[in-house]
C-alpha atoms as a PDB file:
ATOM      1  CA  UNK A   1      82.289 141.570  34.375  1.00  0.00           C
ATOM      2  CA  UNK A   2      78.361 140.115  34.117  1.00  0.00           C
ATOM      3  CA  UNK A   3      76.728 136.902  33.806  1.00  0.00           C
ATOM      4  CA  UNK A   4      74.906 135.549  30.856  1.00  0.00           C
ATOM      5  CA  UNK A   5      72.941 132.792  32.465  1.00  0.00           C
ATOM      6  CA  UNK A   6      72.057 132.473  36.042  1.00  0.00           C
ATOM      7  CA  UNK A   7      69.777 130.049  38.149  1.00  0.00           C
ATOM      8  CA  UNK A   8      67.210 130.903  40.832  1.00  0.00           C
ATOM      9  CA  UNK A   9      66.230 128.656  43.802  1.00  0.00           C
ATOM     10  CA  UNK A  10      64.083 128.895  46.768  1.00  0.00           C
ATOM     11  CA  UNK A  11      65.323 127.075  49.999  1.00  0.00           C
ATOM     12  CA  UNK A  12      64.228 126.631  53.748  1.00  0.00           C
ATOM     13  CA  UNK A  13      60.853 127.310  54.887  1.00  0.00           C
ATOM     14  CA  UNK A  14      58.628 129.181  52.396  1.00  0.00           C
ATOM     15  CA  UNK A  15      57.225 132.930  52.845  1.00  0.00           C
ATOM     16  CA  UNK A  16      54.590 134.936  51.253  1.00  0.00           C
ATOM     17  CA  UNK A  17      56.416 137.005  48.613  1.00  0.00           C
ATOM     18  CA  UNK A  18      58.686 134.236  47.249  1.00  0.00           C
ATOM     19  CA  UNK A  19      56.821 134.246  43.966  1.00  0.00           C
ATOM     20  CA  UNK A  20      57.033 138.024  43.513  1.00  0.00           C
ATOM     21  CA  UNK A  21      60.761 137.832  44.244  1.00  0.00           C
ATOM     22  CA  UNK A  22      61.117 135.320  41.566  1.00  0.00           C
ATOM     23  CA  UNK A  23      59.197 137.365  38.916  1.00  0.00           C
ATOM     24  CA  UNK A  24      61.234 140.052  39.448  1.00  0.00           C
ATOM     25  CA  UNK A  25      64.758 138.246  39.085  1.00  0.00           C
ATOM     26  CA  UNK A  26      63.430 136.598  35.872  1.00  0.00           C
ATOM     27  CA  UNK A  27      61.976 140.098  34.563  1.00  0.00           C
ATOM     28  CA  UNK A  28      65.099 141.799  35.390  1.00  0.00           C
ATOM     29  CA  UNK A  29      67.232 139.376  33.908  1.00  0.00           C
ATOM     30  CA  UNK A  30      65.499 139.423  30.943  1.00  0.00           C
ATOM     31  CA  UNK A  31      66.048 143.187  30.574  1.00  0.00           C
ATOM     32  CA  UNK A  32      69.899 142.554  30.812  1.00  0.00           C
ATOM     33  CA  UNK A  33      69.626 139.821  28.183  1.00  0.00           C
ATOM     34  CA  UNK A  34      70.414 137.155  31.024  1.00  0.00           C
ATOM     35  CA  UNK A  35      69.031 133.574  30.869  1.00  0.00           C
ATOM     36  CA  UNK A  36      67.457 132.292  33.826  1.00  0.00           C
ATOM     37  CA  UNK A  37      67.200 128.579  34.845  1.00  0.00           C
ATOM     38  CA  UNK A  38      64.559 127.825  37.765  1.00  0.00           C
ATOM     39  CA  UNK A  39      65.797 125.300  40.097  1.00  0.00           C
ATOM     40  CA  UNK A  40      63.365 123.208  41.849  1.00  0.00           C
ATOM     41  CA  UNK A  41      63.319 122.344  45.478  1.00  0.00           C
ATOM     42  CA  UNK A  42      66.354 124.320  46.691  1.00  0.00           C
ATOM     43  CA  UNK A  43      69.805 122.977  46.553  1.00  0.00           C
ATOM     44  CA  UNK A  44      68.415 119.679  46.147  1.00  0.00           C
ATOM     45  CA  UNK A  45      67.409 120.386  42.657  1.00  0.00           C
ATOM     46  CA  UNK A  46      71.038 121.736  42.213  1.00  0.00           C
ATOM     47  CA  UNK A  47      72.677 118.685  43.090  1.00  0.00           C
ATOM     48  CA  UNK A  48      70.221 116.692  41.133  1.00  0.00           C
ATOM     49  CA  UNK A  49      69.964 118.920  37.956  1.00  0.00           C
ATOM     50  CA  UNK A  50      66.293 119.429  38.961  1.00  0.00           C
ATOM     51  CA  UNK A  51      65.721 122.385  36.480  1.00  0.00           C
ATOM     52  CA  UNK A  52      63.501 124.235  34.115  1.00  0.00           C
ATOM     53  CA  UNK A  53      63.847 127.105  31.904  1.00  0.00           C
ATOM     54  CA  UNK A  54      62.246 130.531  32.916  1.00  0.00           C
ATOM     55  CA  UNK A  55      60.816 133.441  30.951  1.00  0.00           C
ATOM     56  CA  UNK A  56      58.612 136.274  31.568  1.00  0.00           C
ATOM     57  CA  UNK A  57      55.708 134.298  30.266  1.00  0.00           C
ATOM     58  CA  UNK A  58      56.212 131.489  32.928  1.00  0.00           C
ATOM     59  CA  UNK A  59      56.026 134.152  35.716  1.00  0.00           C
ATOM     60  CA  UNK A  60      52.922 136.101  34.616  1.00  0.00           C
ATOM     61  CA  UNK A  61      50.457 136.295  37.434  1.00  0.00           C
ATOM     62  CA  UNK A  62      52.517 134.715  40.004  1.00  0.00           C
ATOM     63  CA  UNK A  63      52.839 137.708  42.386  1.00  0.00           C
ATOM     64  CA  UNK A  64      49.206 137.366  43.942  1.00  0.00           C
ATOM     65  CA  UNK A  65      50.268 133.527  44.728  1.00  0.00           C
ATOM     66  CA  UNK A  66      51.513 132.226  48.243  1.00  0.00           C
ATOM     67  CA  UNK A  67      54.226 129.716  48.602  1.00  0.00           C
ATOM     68  CA  UNK A  68      56.959 129.207  45.694  1.00  0.00           C
ATOM     69  CA  UNK A  69      56.361 128.003  42.207  1.00  0.00           C
ATOM     70  CA  UNK A  70      59.886 126.539  42.500  1.00  0.00           C
ATOM     71  CA  UNK A  71      59.098 124.538  45.554  1.00  0.00           C
ATOM     72  CA  UNK A  72      61.260 124.168  48.472  1.00  0.00           C
ATOM     73  CA  UNK A  73      63.162 121.849  50.631  1.00  0.00           C
ATOM     74  CA  UNK A  74      65.991 121.534  52.969  1.00  0.00           C
ATOM     75  CA  UNK A  75      69.164 119.626  51.854  1.00  0.00           C
ATOM     76  CA  UNK A  76      71.497 117.983  54.320  1.00  0.00           C
ATOM     77  CA  UNK A  77      73.430 116.652  51.555  1.00  0.00           C
ATOM     78  CA  UNK A  78      74.433 120.149  50.016  1.00  0.00           C
ATOM     79  CA  UNK A  79      76.042 120.624  53.422  1.00  0.00           C
ATOM     80  CA  UNK A  80      78.442 118.192  52.518  1.00  0.00           C
ATOM     81  CA  UNK A  81      81.511 118.488  50.617  1.00  0.00           C
ATOM     82  CA  UNK A  82      80.480 115.886  48.220  1.00  0.00           C
ATOM     83  CA  UNK A  83      77.139 117.744  47.853  1.00  0.00           C
ATOM     84  CA  UNK A  84      78.916 120.913  47.110  1.00  0.00           C
ATOM     85  CA  UNK A  85      80.735 119.496  44.211  1.00  0.00           C
ATOM     86  CA  UNK A  86      77.771 117.766  42.780  1.00  0.00           C
ATOM     87  CA  UNK A  87      75.905 121.407  42.945  1.00  0.00           C
ATOM     88  CA  UNK A  88      79.012 122.785  41.293  1.00  0.00           C
ATOM     89  CA  UNK A  89      79.239 120.090  38.632  1.00  0.00           C
ATOM     90  CA  UNK A  90      75.433 120.786  37.902  1.00  0.00           C
ATOM     91  CA  UNK A  91      76.141 124.657  37.381  1.00  0.00           C
ATOM     92  CA  UNK A  92      79.094 124.018  35.216  1.00  0.00           C
ATOM     93  CA  UNK A  93      77.197 121.576  33.068  1.00  0.00           C
ATOM     94  CA  UNK A  94      74.175 123.912  32.713  1.00  0.00           C
ATOM     95  CA  UNK A  95      76.722 127.073  32.108  1.00  0.00           C
ATOM     96  CA  UNK A  96      75.189 128.640  35.395  1.00  0.00           C
ATOM     97  CA  UNK A  97      77.399 131.443  36.145  1.00  0.00           C
ATOM     98  CA  UNK A  98      75.222 133.104  38.872  1.00  0.00           C
ATOM     99  CA  UNK A  99      72.551 132.328  41.660  1.00  0.00           C
ATOM    100  CA  UNK A 100      69.776 134.302  43.183  1.00  0.00           C
ATOM    101  CA  UNK A 101      69.009 132.230  46.424  1.00  0.00           C
ATOM    102  CA  UNK A 102      65.727 132.947  48.348  1.00  0.00           C
ATOM    103  CA  UNK A 103      65.375 132.122  51.919  1.00  0.00           C
ATOM    104  CA  UNK A 104      66.870 132.575  55.405  1.00  0.00           C
ATOM    105  CA  UNK A 105      70.076 132.011  57.057  1.00  0.00           C
ATOM    106  CA  UNK A 106      70.586 128.427  55.928  1.00  0.00           C
ATOM    107  CA  UNK A 107      69.869 129.549  52.568  1.00  0.00           C
ATOM    108  CA  UNK A 108      72.775 132.192  52.945  1.00  0.00           C
ATOM    109  CA  UNK A 109      75.269 129.618  54.210  1.00  0.00           C
ATOM    110  CA  UNK A 110      74.836 127.304  51.131  1.00  0.00           C
ATOM    111  CA  UNK A 111      75.327 130.231  48.799  1.00  0.00           C
ATOM    112  CA  UNK A 112      78.387 131.459  50.702  1.00  0.00           C
ATOM    113  CA  UNK A 113      79.834 127.781  50.325  1.00  0.00           C
ATOM    114  CA  UNK A 114      79.044 127.700  46.828  1.00  0.00           C
ATOM    115  CA  UNK A 115      80.603 130.970  46.052  1.00  0.00           C
ATOM    116  CA  UNK A 116      83.925 129.383  47.020  1.00  0.00           C
ATOM    117  CA  UNK A 117      83.661 127.432  44.060  1.00  0.00           C
ATOM    118  CA  UNK A 118      83.514 130.345  41.851  1.00  0.00           C
ATOM    119  CA  UNK A 119      79.821 130.529  41.155  1.00  0.00           C
ATOM    120  CA  UNK A 120      78.410 133.989  41.869  1.00  0.00           C
ATOM    121  CA  UNK A 121      75.829 134.254  44.192  1.00  0.00           C
ATOM    122  CA  UNK A 122      73.397 136.743  45.741  1.00  0.00           C
ATOM    123  CA  UNK A 123      70.736 136.133  48.148  1.00  0.00           C
ATOM    124  CA  UNK A 124      67.337 137.682  48.929  1.00  0.00           C
ATOM    125  CA  UNK A 125      66.105 137.285  52.499  1.00  0.00           C
ATOM    126  CA  UNK A 126      62.613 135.718  52.839  1.00  0.00           C
ATOM    127  CA  UNK A 127      61.636 134.414  56.203  1.00  0.00           C
ATOM    128  CA  UNK A 128      58.429 135.083  58.517  1.00  0.00           C
ATOM    129  CA  UNK A 129      60.551 135.507  61.343  1.00  0.00           C
ATOM    130  CA  UNK A 130      62.453 138.575  60.272  1.00  0.00           C
ATOM    131  CA  UNK A 131      65.495 137.566  62.159  1.00  0.00           C
ATOM    132  CA  UNK A 132      68.047 138.390  59.635  1.00  0.00           C
ATOM    133  CA  UNK A 133      70.425 140.726  61.025  1.00  0.00           C
ATOM    134  CA  UNK A 134      71.602 142.759  57.888  1.00  0.00           C
ATOM    135  CA  UNK A 135      68.093 143.989  57.022  1.00  0.00           C
ATOM    136  CA  UNK A 136      65.326 145.692  58.764  1.00  0.00           C
ATOM    137  CA  UNK A 137      62.644 143.474  56.856  1.00  0.00           C
ATOM    138  CA  UNK A 138      62.809 140.152  55.530  1.00  0.00           C
ATOM    139  CA  UNK A 139      59.921 139.237  52.804  1.00  0.00           C
ATOM    140  CA  UNK A 140      56.817 137.395  54.256  1.00  0.00           C
ATOM    141  CA  UNK A 141      56.909 139.027  57.858  1.00  0.00           C
ATOM    142  CA  UNK A 142      53.933 141.392  57.176  1.00  0.00           C
ATOM    143  CA  UNK A 143      51.846 138.979  55.383  1.00  0.00           C
ATOM    144  CA  UNK A 144      52.524 136.332  58.354  1.00  0.00           C
ATOM    145  CA  UNK A 145      51.787 138.875  60.851  1.00  0.00           C
ATOM    146  CA  UNK A 146      48.680 139.743  59.197  1.00  0.00           C
ATOM    147  CA  UNK A 147      47.432 136.450  58.899  1.00  0.00           C
ATOM    148  CA  UNK A 148      48.052 135.879  62.576  1.00  0.00           C
ATOM    149  CA  UNK A 149      46.371 138.863  63.722  1.00  0.00           C
ATOM    150  CA  UNK A 150      43.119 137.902  61.595  1.00  0.00           C
ATOM    151  CA  UNK A 151      43.267 134.330  63.334  1.00  0.00           C
ATOM    152  CA  UNK A 152      43.385 135.866  66.842  1.00  0.00           C
ATOM    153  CA  UNK A 153      40.872 138.550  66.405  1.00  0.00           C
ATOM    154  CA  UNK A 154      38.292 135.822  65.389  1.00  0.00           C
ATOM    155  CA  UNK A 155      39.868 133.698  68.576  1.00  0.00           C
ATOM    156  CA  UNK A 156      38.998 136.762  70.645  1.00  0.00           C
ATOM    157  CA  UNK A 157      35.444 136.837  69.758  1.00  0.00           C
ATOM    158  CA  UNK A 158      34.696 133.276  71.126  1.00  0.00           C
ATOM    159  CA  UNK A 159      37.074 134.116  74.203  1.00  0.00           C
ATOM    160  CA  UNK A 160      34.872 136.795  75.186  1.00  0.00           C
ATOM    161  CA  UNK A 161      31.845 134.913  74.843  1.00  0.00           C
ATOM    162  CA  UNK A 162      33.078 132.158  77.217  1.00  0.00           C
ATOM    163  CA  UNK A 163      35.061 134.376  79.420  1.00  0.00           C
ATOM    164  CA  UNK A 164      38.237 132.317  78.815  1.00  0.00           C
ATOM    165  CA  UNK A 165      42.208 132.776  78.381  1.00  0.00           C
ATOM    166  CA  UNK A 166      43.424 131.921  74.918  1.00  0.00           C
ATOM    167  CA  UNK A 167      47.087 130.963  74.563  1.00  0.00           C
ATOM    168  CA  UNK A 168      48.298 131.483  70.963  1.00  0.00           C
ATOM    169  CA  UNK A 169      51.497 129.862  69.752  1.00  0.00           C
ATOM    170  CA  UNK A 170      53.024 131.680  66.880  1.00  0.00           C
ATOM    171  CA  UNK A 171      56.120 130.926  64.909  1.00  0.00           C
ATOM    172  CA  UNK A 172      59.561 131.855  66.055  1.00  0.00           C
ATOM    173  CA  UNK A 173      61.771 129.019  67.242  1.00  0.00           C
ATOM    174  CA  UNK A 174      64.780 131.629  68.082  1.00  0.00           C
ATOM    175  CA  UNK A 175      63.123 134.946  67.549  1.00  0.00           C
ATOM    176  CA  UNK A 176      60.466 136.873  68.801  1.00  0.00           C
ATOM    177  CA  UNK A 177      59.769 139.783  66.380  1.00  0.00           C
ATOM    178  CA  UNK A 178      56.592 138.018  64.947  1.00  0.00           C
ATOM    179  CA  UNK A 179      55.343 137.579  68.447  1.00  0.00           C
ATOM    180  CA  UNK A 180      55.732 141.248  69.718  1.00  0.00           C
ATOM    181  CA  UNK A 181      54.414 142.600  66.421  1.00  0.00           C
ATOM    182  CA  UNK A 182      51.342 140.152  66.746  1.00  0.00           C
ATOM    183  CA  UNK A 183      51.025 140.825  70.322  1.00  0.00           C
ATOM    184  CA  UNK A 184      50.874 144.871  69.894  1.00  0.00           C
ATOM    185  CA  UNK A 185      48.563 144.144  67.104  1.00  0.00           C
ATOM    186  CA  UNK A 186      46.063 142.194  69.073  1.00  0.00           C
ATOM    187  CA  UNK A 187      46.381 143.827  72.374  1.00  0.00           C
ATOM    188  CA  UNK A 188      47.719 140.695  74.041  1.00  0.00           C
ATOM    189  CA  UNK A 189      48.032 140.588  77.899  1.00  0.00           C
ATOM    190  CA  UNK A 190      51.157 138.652  77.866  1.00  0.00           C
ATOM    191  CA  UNK A 191      53.596 138.195  75.188  1.00  0.00           C
ATOM    192  CA  UNK A 192      56.550 135.420  75.968  1.00  0.00           C
ATOM    193  CA  UNK A 193      59.520 135.516  73.445  1.00  0.00           C
ATOM    194  CA  UNK A 194      62.827 133.459  73.459  1.00  0.00           C
ATOM    195  CA  UNK A 195      65.008 136.635  73.809  1.00  0.00           C
ATOM    196  CA  UNK A 196      63.702 137.328  77.354  1.00  0.00           C
ATOM    197  CA  UNK A 197      63.931 135.692  80.305  1.00  0.00           C
ATOM    198  CA  UNK A 198      60.497 136.052  82.414  1.00  0.00           C
ATOM    199  CA  UNK A 199      59.329 135.987  86.003  1.00  0.00           C
ATOM    200  CA  UNK A 200      56.272 133.921  85.661  1.00  0.00           C
ATOM    201  CA  UNK A 201      54.644 135.236  88.675  1.00  0.00           C
ATOM    202  CA  UNK A 202      55.264 138.801  87.846  1.00  0.00           C
ATOM    203  CA  UNK A 203      55.070 139.023  84.090  1.00  0.00           C
ATOM    204  CA  UNK A 204      52.202 136.347  83.481  1.00  0.00           C
ATOM    205  CA  UNK A 205      50.212 135.685  86.719  1.00  0.00           C
ATOM    206  CA  UNK A 206      50.342 139.213  88.072  1.00  0.00           C
ATOM    207  CA  UNK A 207      49.056 140.541  84.913  1.00  0.00           C
ATOM    208  CA  UNK A 208      46.274 138.488  84.789  1.00  0.00           C
ATOM    209  CA  UNK A 209      45.311 139.243  88.309  1.00  0.00           C
ATOM    210  CA  UNK A 210      45.402 142.839  87.571  1.00  0.00           C
ATOM    211  CA  UNK A 211      43.423 142.372  84.601  1.00  0.00           C
ATOM    212  CA  UNK A 212      40.575 140.722  86.732  1.00  0.00           C
ATOM    213  CA  UNK A 213      40.788 143.334  89.120  1.00  0.00           C
ATOM    214  CA  UNK A 214      40.003 145.951  86.626  1.00  0.00           C
ATOM    215  CA  UNK A 215      37.142 144.112  85.206  1.00  0.00           C
ATOM    216  CA  UNK A 216      38.873 141.914  82.376  1.00  0.00           C
ATOM    217  CA  UNK A 217      37.019 138.686  81.565  1.00  0.00           C
ATOM    218  CA  UNK A 218      39.118 137.068  78.771  1.00  0.00           C
ATOM    219  CA  UNK A 219      42.991 137.052  78.446  1.00  0.00           C
ATOM    220  CA  UNK A 220      45.228 136.807  75.361  1.00  0.00           C
ATOM    221  CA  UNK A 221      48.451 135.171  75.865  1.00  0.00           C
ATOM    222  CA  UNK A 222      50.882 135.275  72.671  1.00  0.00           C
ATOM    223  CA  UNK A 223      53.780 132.809  73.258  1.00  0.00           C
ATOM    224  CA  UNK A 224      56.801 132.319  70.292  1.00  0.00           C
ATOM    225  CA  UNK A 225      57.419 128.532  69.562  1.00  0.00           C
ATOM    226  CA  UNK A 226      60.689 128.925  71.182  1.00  0.00           C
ATOM    227  CA  UNK A 227      59.770 130.762  74.430  1.00  0.00           C
ATOM    228  CA  UNK A 228      58.414 127.761  76.039  1.00  0.00           C
ATOM    229  CA  UNK A 229      56.143 124.717  75.996  1.00  0.00           C
ATOM    230  CA  UNK A 230      52.562 125.957  75.412  1.00  0.00           C
ATOM    231  CA  UNK A 231      51.038 123.173  77.430  1.00  0.00           C
ATOM    232  CA  UNK A 232      53.245 123.813  80.355  1.00  0.00           C
ATOM    233  CA  UNK A 233      52.424 127.609  80.179  1.00  0.00           C
ATOM    234  CA  UNK A 234      48.692 126.876  80.191  1.00  0.00           C
ATOM    235  CA  UNK A 235      48.977 124.472  83.263  1.00  0.00           C
ATOM    236  CA  UNK A 236      50.594 126.951  85.114  1.00  0.00           C
ATOM    237  CA  UNK A 237      48.192 129.509  84.483  1.00  0.00           C
ATOM    238  CA  UNK A 238      45.337 127.118  85.353  1.00  0.00           C
ATOM    239  CA  UNK A 239      47.143 126.206  88.413  1.00  0.00           C
ATOM    240  CA  UNK A 240      47.642 129.727  89.652  1.00  0.00           C
ATOM    241  CA  UNK A 241      44.467 131.421  88.215  1.00  0.00           C
ATOM    242  CA  UNK A 242      41.575 128.859  87.937  1.00  0.00           C
ATOM    243  CA  UNK A 243      41.293 130.061  84.414  1.00  0.00           C
ATOM    244  CA  UNK A 244      41.041 127.343  81.727  1.00  0.00           C
ATOM    245  CA  UNK A 245      43.290 128.262  78.881  1.00  0.00           C
ATOM    246  CA  UNK A 246      42.661 127.346  75.610  1.00  0.00           C
ATOM    247  CA  UNK A 247      45.763 126.538  73.251  1.00  0.00           C
ATOM    248  CA  UNK A 248      45.916 127.466  69.543  1.00  0.00           C
ATOM    249  CA  UNK A 249      48.977 126.473  67.589  1.00  0.00           C
ATOM    250  CA  UNK A 250      48.847 128.549  64.439  1.00  0.00           C
ATOM    251  CA  UNK A 251      51.664 126.671  62.799  1.00  0.00           C
ATOM    252  CA  UNK A 252      52.157 126.592  59.097  1.00  0.00           C
ATOM    253  CA  UNK A 253      49.068 128.489  58.492  1.00  0.00           C
ATOM    254  CA  UNK A 254      51.348 131.755  59.061  1.00  0.00           C
ATOM    255  CA  UNK A 255      53.426 130.627  55.891  1.00  0.00           C
ATOM    256  CA  UNK A 256      50.568 130.504  53.326  1.00  0.00           C
ATOM    257  CA  UNK A 257      48.430 132.881  51.981  1.00  0.00           C
ATOM    258  CA  UNK A 258      48.446 135.594  49.198  1.00  0.00           C
ATOM    259  CA  UNK A 259      51.468 137.942  49.900  1.00  0.00           C
ATOM    260  CA  UNK A 260      49.997 141.561  50.914  1.00  0.00           C
ATOM    261  CA  UNK A 261      51.181 144.905  49.220  1.00  0.00           C
ATOM    262  CA  UNK A 262      54.159 145.315  51.399  1.00  0.00           C
ATOM    263  CA  UNK A 263      55.815 141.833  50.778  1.00  0.00           C
ATOM    264  CA  UNK A 264      55.110 142.071  47.208  1.00  0.00           C
ATOM    265  CA  UNK A 265      56.707 145.359  46.663  1.00  0.00           C
ATOM    266  CA  UNK A 266      59.548 144.461  48.642  1.00  0.00           C
ATOM    267  CA  UNK A 267      60.152 141.274  47.168  1.00  0.00           C
ATOM    268  CA  UNK A 268      60.003 142.686  43.746  1.00  0.00           C
ATOM    269  CA  UNK A 269      62.610 145.464  44.626  1.00  0.00           C
ATOM    270  CA  UNK A 270      64.984 143.036  46.272  1.00  0.00           C
ATOM    271  CA  UNK A 271      64.681 140.606  43.117  1.00  0.00           C
ATOM    272  CA  UNK A 272      65.557 143.432  40.569  1.00  0.00           C
ATOM    273  CA  UNK A 273      68.452 144.518  42.699  1.00  0.00           C
ATOM    274  CA  UNK A 274      69.880 140.948  43.200  1.00  0.00           C
ATOM    275  CA  UNK A 275      69.893 140.628  39.288  1.00  0.00           C
ATOM    276  CA  UNK A 276      72.048 144.025  39.415  1.00  0.00           C
ATOM    277  CA  UNK A 277      74.524 142.492  41.878  1.00  0.00           C
ATOM    278  CA  UNK A 278      75.133 139.539  39.850  1.00  0.00           C
ATOM    279  CA  UNK A 279      75.295 141.582  36.608  1.00  0.00           C
ATOM    280  CA  UNK A 280      77.919 143.801  38.201  1.00  0.00           C
ATOM    281  CA  UNK A 281      80.108 140.978  38.701  1.00  0.00           C
ATOM    282  CA  UNK A 282      79.920 140.910  42.768  1.00  0.00           C
ATOM    283  CA  UNK A 283      79.285 137.688  44.582  1.00  0.00           C
ATOM    284  CA  UNK A 284      78.642 136.273  47.944  1.00  0.00           C
ATOM    285  CA  UNK A 285      76.244 139.132  48.600  1.00  0.00           C
ATOM    286  CA  UNK A 286      72.918 139.374  50.471  1.00  0.00           C
ATOM    287  CA  UNK A 287      70.325 142.108  49.813  1.00  0.00           C
ATOM    288  CA  UNK A 288      69.092 144.053  52.587  1.00  0.00           C
ATOM    289  CA  UNK A 289      66.992 147.095  53.435  1.00  0.00           C
ATOM    290  CA  UNK A 290      68.423 149.713  55.870  1.00  0.00           C
ATOM    291  CA  UNK A 291      66.081 153.040  56.523  1.00  0.00           C
ATOM    292  CA  UNK A 292      63.994 152.228  53.259  1.00  0.00           C
ATOM    293  CA  UNK A 293      67.213 151.873  51.040  1.00  0.00           C
ATOM    294  CA  UNK A 294      68.426 148.639  49.320  1.00  0.00           C
ATOM    295  CA  UNK A 295      72.221 147.634  50.269  1.00  0.00           C
ATOM    296  CA  UNK A 296      74.144 144.545  49.802  1.00  0.00           C
ATOM    297  CA  UNK A 297      76.217 142.787  52.211  1.00  0.00           C
ATOM    298  CA  UNK A 298      79.088 140.097  52.240  1.00  0.00           C
ATOM    299  CA  UNK A 299      77.310 136.852  53.245  1.00  0.00           C
ATOM    300  CA  UNK A 300      79.737 135.846  55.713  1.00  0.00           C
ATOM    301  CA  UNK A 301      79.500 139.406  57.485  1.00  0.00           C
ATOM    302  CA  UNK A 302      75.700 139.202  57.425  1.00  0.00           C
ATOM    303  CA  UNK A 303      75.845 135.931  59.006  1.00  0.00           C
ATOM    304  CA  UNK A 304      77.940 137.093  61.911  1.00  0.00           C
ATOM    305  CA  UNK A 305      75.585 139.873  62.558  1.00  0.00           C
ATOM    306  CA  UNK A 306      73.152 139.515  65.515  1.00  0.00           C
ATOM    307  CA  UNK A 307      69.555 140.587  65.660  1.00  0.00           C
ATOM    308  CA  UNK A 308      67.891 141.235  68.876  1.00  0.00           C
ATOM    309  CA  UNK A 309      64.384 142.432  69.734  1.00  0.00           C
ATOM    310  CA  UNK A 310      63.538 146.131  68.632  1.00  0.00           C
ATOM    311  CA  UNK A 311      63.759 147.521  71.956  1.00  0.00           C
ATOM    312  CA  UNK A 312      61.337 150.249  71.313  1.00  0.00           C
ATOM    313  CA  UNK A 313      58.871 147.691  70.022  1.00  0.00           C
ATOM    314  CA  UNK A 314      59.058 145.610  73.144  1.00  0.00           C
ATOM    315  CA  UNK A 315      58.869 148.397  75.395  1.00  0.00           C
ATOM    316  CA  UNK A 316      55.500 149.398  73.637  1.00  0.00           C
ATOM    317  CA  UNK A 317      54.202 145.884  74.029  1.00  0.00           C
ATOM    318  CA  UNK A 318      55.074 146.035  78.000  1.00  0.00           C
ATOM    319  CA  UNK A 319      53.652 149.462  78.378  1.00  0.00           C
ATOM    320  CA  UNK A 320      50.303 148.429  76.865  1.00  0.00           C
ATOM    321  CA  UNK A 321      49.945 145.420  78.688  1.00  0.00           C
ATOM    322  CA  UNK A 322      50.695 146.751  82.254  1.00  0.00           C
ATOM    323  CA  UNK A 323      47.032 146.380  83.572  1.00  0.00           C
ATOM    324  CA  UNK A 324      46.620 143.038  82.133  1.00  0.00           C
END
């Protein structure tokens, strides 16, 4: 029914809160008498046998640390049949009966594929994009948003001093959840996201013109990285308004830093739940939060779900930026 030894790995992009999730998995497993092997560098480590024994002592004090103590990497080899077979052989050799996999949708696909070889798998969603459809919240989102807001607040000071336009690019290649959340938080004049087509004249230039009419001397434009090329957007603004936009790409700074309270607590809850799923004999599952409650979903079904922007949040962003 249950498992006697599990592995834990982090895969794909790191997110604040991965370490608290690791800690929760290991300490919960200890309560059930389950041995845990830490797998370094994601699925690469599983293919190559890069593992280490984990215990309650090895994860003491890690909840306050950003990044992941197990390191993370992407693994093109794992996407091949040969790579999956190597990973399965590693599991058999080491006696790993179940895997707790922390990451985003790429991590979920790997866990789904490996479960077909008879290894029990349960995934914990951790991505600052918050684009996992089966859950309202993914570990790392809130910390990343606060990091971006703090940086933009500092930018605002100098933009006000020089009466300039600041164009800030935040992460979100296919999803604009972070951009909308951050944009509302900093009072952005314009928010551009990949999910929504824009009329550049109406949605950007006209807002800046209206802002000027109402006495505004500085402007903040938030751009999700998948919404367009920041330099091209800045050039259009310069050409149409005469402003001199300064581009700031926050980049990987959003993934770093100490996880905040929400991410530590959410990660701890999800980590404990994942072990309970594996101990209960279930496989090919992903943990999610719906209405504040933890649930688990079939990974294949979860990957088929689509998560659009939360319309209410987007409407708030539009309404509060009406006058530029």
